[in-house]
Amino acid sequence: MKFLVVGGSCFLLTMVINYGLRLTVCQSKPLVALTVANVVSTVASYFLNRQWSFRSEGTHKELIPFAVVSGIAIGVNDLPMTVSRYLLDLRTPYVSGFTQEVSDFLAGMILGTLVAMAFRYWAMKKFVFTTQASGAGQAEPAAQPAAEMR
């Protein structure tokens, strides 16, 4: 559940940055805007997931695997928008501006985010945040019956 809260917060951050860039300095470069937005929200998610979702202990030993997983995930997130824009030509002048924006939102923000989220969750648990802080999510050992203690 915590992973979803972090993900939802970072999704909103990605949307704000993405559309902020697309409406200003990256008007003709929507993939650059999406990539920059994802990089910024990925840095935020690192600190939130490390401290809250996975409660990893120790030093920042997971930073390098996190960066590798996140880099792959950013590429995964960009892929649907790349396909819709440049392979399927869902961009102006081939389609209307409205169709282009809907396509970019559905491919980049929705489909890309869902696929990247599934990949990140699996990869973070498997390769990055492999240890939990003591007591975080661990069950107490069951009490042994008196007969077993002898």
C-alpha atoms as a PDB file:
ATOM      1  CA  MET A   1       0.000   0.000   0.000  1.00  0.00           C
ATOM      2  CA  LYS A   2       2.829   2.385   0.843  1.00  0.00           C
ATOM      3  CA  PHE A   3       4.404   1.706  -2.552  1.00  0.00           C
ATOM      4  CA  LEU A   4       1.132   2.770  -4.217  1.00  0.00           C
ATOM      5  CA  VAL A   5       0.957   5.994  -2.174  1.00  0.00           C
ATOM      6  CA  VAL A   6       4.515   6.868  -3.165  1.00  0.00           C
ATOM      7  CA  GLY A   7       3.763   5.933  -6.759  1.00  0.00           C
ATOM      8  CA  GLY A   8       0.595   8.029  -6.838  1.00  0.00           C
ATOM      9  CA  SER A   9       2.394  11.045  -5.405  1.00  0.00           C
ATOM     10  CA  CYS A  10       5.219  10.665  -7.896  1.00  0.00           C
ATOM     11  CA  PHE A  11       2.695  10.218 -10.726  1.00  0.00           C
ATOM     12  CA  LEU A  12       1.157  13.593  -9.835  1.00  0.00           C
ATOM     13  CA  LEU A  13       4.632  15.140  -9.663  1.00  0.00           C
ATOM     14  CA  THR A  14       5.420  13.664 -13.085  1.00  0.00           C
ATOM     15  CA  MET A  15       2.221  15.106 -14.560  1.00  0.00           C
ATOM     16  CA  VAL A  16       2.885  18.581 -13.170  1.00  0.00           C
ATOM     17  CA  ILE A  17       6.470  18.648 -14.432  1.00  0.00           C
ATOM     18  CA  ASN A  18       5.617  17.018 -17.773  1.00  0.00           C
ATOM     19  CA  TYR A  19       2.843  19.452 -18.633  1.00  0.00           C
ATOM     20  CA  GLY A  20       4.772  22.379 -17.170  1.00  0.00           C
ATOM     21  CA  LEU A  21       7.618  21.620 -19.564  1.00  0.00           C
ATOM     22  CA  ARG A  22       5.333  20.825 -22.508  1.00  0.00           C
ATOM     23  CA  LEU A  23       3.540  24.143 -22.153  1.00  0.00           C
ATOM     24  CA  THR A  24       6.775  26.142 -21.911  1.00  0.00           C
ATOM     25  CA  VAL A  25      10.287  25.110 -22.963  1.00  0.00           C
ATOM     26  CA  CYS A  26       9.578  21.655 -24.463  1.00  0.00           C
ATOM     27  CA  GLN A  27       6.577  22.401 -26.658  1.00  0.00           C
ATOM     28  CA  SER A  28       8.039  20.536 -29.623  1.00  0.00           C
ATOM     29  CA  LYS A  29       9.786  17.847 -27.544  1.00  0.00           C
ATOM     30  CA  PRO A  30       7.164  15.879 -25.611  1.00  0.00           C
ATOM     31  CA  LEU A  31       9.439  12.862 -25.050  1.00  0.00           C
ATOM     32  CA  VAL A  32      12.086  15.093 -23.505  1.00  0.00           C
ATOM     33  CA  ALA A  33       9.455  16.609 -21.210  1.00  0.00           C
ATOM     34  CA  LEU A  34       8.202  13.165 -20.175  1.00  0.00           C
ATOM     35  CA  THR A  35      11.727  11.873 -19.598  1.00  0.00           C
ATOM     36  CA  VAL A  36      12.773  14.874 -17.491  1.00  0.00           C
ATOM     37  CA  ALA A  37       9.553  14.610 -15.459  1.00  0.00           C
ATOM     38  CA  ASN A  38      10.204  10.913 -14.868  1.00  0.00           C
ATOM     39  CA  VAL A  39      13.801  11.517 -13.802  1.00  0.00           C
ATOM     40  CA  VAL A  40      12.761  14.138 -11.231  1.00  0.00           C
ATOM     41  CA  SER A  41       9.952  11.997  -9.823  1.00  0.00           C
ATOM     42  CA  THR A  42      12.258   8.963  -9.756  1.00  0.00           C
ATOM     43  CA  VAL A  43      14.692  10.810  -7.491  1.00  0.00           C
ATOM     44  CA  ALA A  44      11.788  11.706  -5.184  1.00  0.00           C
ATOM     45  CA  SER A  45      10.548   8.110  -5.229  1.00  0.00           C
ATOM     46  CA  TYR A  46      14.000   6.820  -4.258  1.00  0.00           C
ATOM     47  CA  PHE A  47      13.961   8.709  -0.988  1.00  0.00           C
ATOM     48  CA  LEU A  48      10.286   7.996  -0.259  1.00  0.00           C
ATOM     49  CA  ASN A  49      10.531   4.268  -1.045  1.00  0.00           C
ATOM     50  CA  ARG A  50      13.793   3.856   0.826  1.00  0.00           C
ATOM     51  CA  GLN A  51      12.613   5.544   3.981  1.00  0.00           C
ATOM     52  CA  TRP A  52       8.948   4.631   4.007  1.00  0.00           C
ATOM     53  CA  SER A  53       7.828   1.854   1.637  1.00  0.00           C
ATOM     54  CA  PHE A  54      10.676  -0.599   2.018  1.00  0.00           C
ATOM     55  CA  ARG A  55      12.364   0.779   5.166  1.00  0.00           C
ATOM     56  CA  SER A  56      15.764  -0.221   3.911  1.00  0.00           C
ATOM     57  CA  GLU A  57      18.476  -0.092   6.533  1.00  0.00           C
ATOM     58  CA  GLY A  58      22.154   0.689   6.263  1.00  0.00           C
ATOM     59  CA  THR A  59      23.883   3.023   3.871  1.00  0.00           C
ATOM     60  CA  HIS A  60      22.821   3.948   0.368  1.00  0.00           C
ATOM     61  CA  LYS A  61      24.169   0.657  -0.983  1.00  0.00           C
ATOM     62  CA  GLU A  62      21.052   0.288  -3.107  1.00  0.00           C
ATOM     63  CA  LEU A  63      21.625   3.552  -5.000  1.00  0.00           C
ATOM     64  CA  ILE A  64      23.406   1.966  -7.989  1.00  0.00           C
ATOM     65  CA  PRO A  65      20.869  -0.865  -8.512  1.00  0.00           C
ATOM     66  CA  PHE A  66      18.059   1.675  -7.983  1.00  0.00           C
ATOM     67  CA  ALA A  67      19.560   3.926 -10.675  1.00  0.00           C
ATOM     68  CA  VAL A  68      19.899   1.000 -13.096  1.00  0.00           C
ATOM     69  CA  VAL A  69      16.333  -0.236 -12.475  1.00  0.00           C
ATOM     70  CA  SER A  70      14.980   3.309 -12.697  1.00  0.00           C
ATOM     71  CA  GLY A  71      16.838   4.029 -15.924  1.00  0.00           C
ATOM     72  CA  ILE A  72      15.326   0.931 -17.495  1.00  0.00           C
ATOM     73  CA  ALA A  73      11.899   1.872 -16.111  1.00  0.00           C
ATOM     74  CA  ILE A  74      12.126   5.380 -17.599  1.00  0.00           C
ATOM     75  CA  GLY A  75      12.834   3.779 -20.976  1.00  0.00           C
ATOM     76  CA  VAL A  76       9.879   1.432 -20.454  1.00  0.00           C
ATOM     77  CA  ASN A  77       7.708   4.435 -19.567  1.00  0.00           C
ATOM     78  CA  ASP A  78       8.767   6.342 -22.725  1.00  0.00           C
ATOM     79  CA  LEU A  79       8.258   3.396 -25.075  1.00  0.00           C
ATOM     80  CA  PRO A  80       4.444   3.555 -25.530  1.00  0.00           C
ATOM     81  CA  MET A  81       4.564   7.282 -26.316  1.00  0.00           C
ATOM     82  CA  THR A  82       7.434   6.740 -28.749  1.00  0.00           C
ATOM     83  CA  VAL A  83       5.440   4.036 -30.523  1.00  0.00           C
ATOM     84  CA  SER A  84       2.234   6.082 -30.665  1.00  0.00           C
ATOM     85  CA  ARG A  85       3.942   9.235 -31.914  1.00  0.00           C
ATOM     86  CA  TYR A  86       6.614   7.967 -34.246  1.00  0.00           C
ATOM     87  CA  LEU A  87       5.565   4.482 -35.303  1.00  0.00           C
ATOM     88  CA  LEU A  88       1.802   4.989 -35.462  1.00  0.00           C
ATOM     89  CA  ASP A  89       2.141   8.692 -36.445  1.00  0.00           C
ATOM     90  CA  LEU A  90      -0.379   9.868 -33.857  1.00  0.00           C
ATOM     91  CA  ARG A  91       0.947  13.431 -34.058  1.00  0.00           C
ATOM     92  CA  THR A  92       0.234  16.560 -36.010  1.00  0.00           C
ATOM     93  CA  PRO A  93      -0.024  16.999 -38.987  1.00  0.00           C
ATOM     94  CA  TYR A  94      -1.198  13.389 -39.360  1.00  0.00           C
ATOM     95  CA  VAL A  95      -3.886  13.753 -36.684  1.00  0.00           C
ATOM     96  CA  SER A  96      -5.555  16.689 -34.948  1.00  0.00           C
ATOM     97  CA  GLY A  97      -3.873  18.426 -32.033  1.00  0.00           C
ATOM     98  CA  PHE A  98      -6.548  17.058 -29.700  1.00  0.00           C
ATOM     99  CA  THR A  99      -5.967  13.475 -30.895  1.00  0.00           C
ATOM    100  CA  GLN A 100      -2.229  13.928 -30.446  1.00  0.00           C
ATOM    101  CA  GLU A 101      -2.633  15.161 -26.857  1.00  0.00           C
ATOM    102  CA  VAL A 102      -5.061  12.373 -25.928  1.00  0.00           C
ATOM    103  CA  SER A 103      -2.744   9.813 -27.501  1.00  0.00           C
ATOM    104  CA  ASP A 104       0.285  11.241 -25.665  1.00  0.00           C
ATOM    105  CA  PHE A 105      -1.577  11.192 -22.353  1.00  0.00           C
ATOM    106  CA  LEU A 106      -2.899   7.652 -22.770  1.00  0.00           C
ATOM    107  CA  ALA A 107       0.372   6.236 -24.105  1.00  0.00           C
ATOM    108  CA  GLY A 108       2.895   8.193 -22.044  1.00  0.00           C
ATOM    109  CA  MET A 109       1.177   8.971 -18.782  1.00  0.00           C
ATOM    110  CA  ILE A 110      -1.230   6.049 -18.414  1.00  0.00           C
ATOM    111  CA  LEU A 111       0.057   2.979 -20.291  1.00  0.00           C
ATOM    112  CA  GLY A 112       3.734   3.843 -19.855  1.00  0.00           C
ATOM    113  CA  THR A 113       3.294   4.523 -16.150  1.00  0.00           C
ATOM    114  CA  LEU A 114       1.363   1.291 -15.530  1.00  0.00           C
ATOM    115  CA  VAL A 115       3.908  -0.894 -17.305  1.00  0.00           C
ATOM    116  CA  ALA A 116       6.856   0.914 -15.685  1.00  0.00           C
ATOM    117  CA  MET A 117       5.185   0.689 -12.255  1.00  0.00           C
ATOM    118  CA  ALA A 118       4.788  -3.072 -12.518  1.00  0.00           C
ATOM    119  CA  PHE A 119       8.398  -3.418 -13.644  1.00  0.00           C
ATOM    120  CA  ARG A 120       9.683  -1.109 -10.883  1.00  0.00           C
ATOM    121  CA  TYR A 121       7.793  -2.891  -8.127  1.00  0.00           C
ATOM    122  CA  TRP A 122       9.138  -6.280  -9.159  1.00  0.00           C
ATOM    123  CA  ALA A 123      12.688  -5.049  -9.753  1.00  0.00           C
ATOM    124  CA  MET A 124      12.896  -2.909  -6.597  1.00  0.00           C
ATOM    125  CA  LYS A 125      11.807  -5.782  -4.393  1.00  0.00           C
ATOM    126  CA  LYS A 126      14.063  -8.288  -6.156  1.00  0.00           C
ATOM    127  CA  PHE A 127      17.232  -6.271  -6.754  1.00  0.00           C
ATOM    128  CA  VAL A 128      17.236  -3.015  -4.784  1.00  0.00           C
ATOM    129  CA  PHE A 129      15.468  -2.969  -1.429  1.00  0.00           C
ATOM    130  CA  THR A 130      16.243  -6.544  -0.447  1.00  0.00           C
ATOM    131  CA  THR A 131      16.602  -5.981   3.302  1.00  0.00           C
ATOM    132  CA  GLN A 132      14.096  -4.434   5.653  1.00  0.00           C
ATOM    133  CA  ALA A 133      14.773  -2.526   8.828  1.00  0.00           C
ATOM    134  CA  SER A 134      14.315  -4.611  11.964  1.00  0.00           C
ATOM    135  CA  GLY A 135      10.661  -5.022  12.836  1.00  0.00           C
ATOM    136  CA  ALA A 136       9.348  -3.540   9.605  1.00  0.00           C
ATOM    137  CA  GLY A 137       6.808  -5.966   8.237  1.00  0.00           C
ATOM    138  CA  GLN A 138       8.247  -8.968  10.044  1.00  0.00           C
ATOM    139  CA  ALA A 139       6.051 -11.187  12.156  1.00  0.00           C
ATOM    140  CA  GLU A 140       7.005 -11.965  15.722  1.00  0.00           C
ATOM    141  CA  PRO A 141       8.213 -15.538  16.230  1.00  0.00           C
ATOM    142  CA  ALA A 142       5.441 -17.775  17.435  1.00  0.00           C
ATOM    143  CA  ALA A 143       5.571 -18.891  21.063  1.00  0.00           C
ATOM    144  CA  GLN A 144       6.609 -22.522  21.389  1.00  0.00           C
ATOM    145  CA  PRO A 145       4.417 -24.889  23.394  1.00  0.00           C
ATOM    146  CA  ALA A 146       5.923 -26.032  26.687  1.00  0.00           C
ATOM    147  CA  ALA A 147       6.275 -29.625  25.410  1.00  0.00           C
ATOM    148  CA  GLU A 148       8.564 -28.492  22.553  1.00  0.00           C
ATOM    149  CA  MET A 149      10.804 -26.426  24.823  1.00  0.00           C
ATOM    150  CA  ARG A 150      12.172 -29.472  26.745  1.00  0.00           C
END
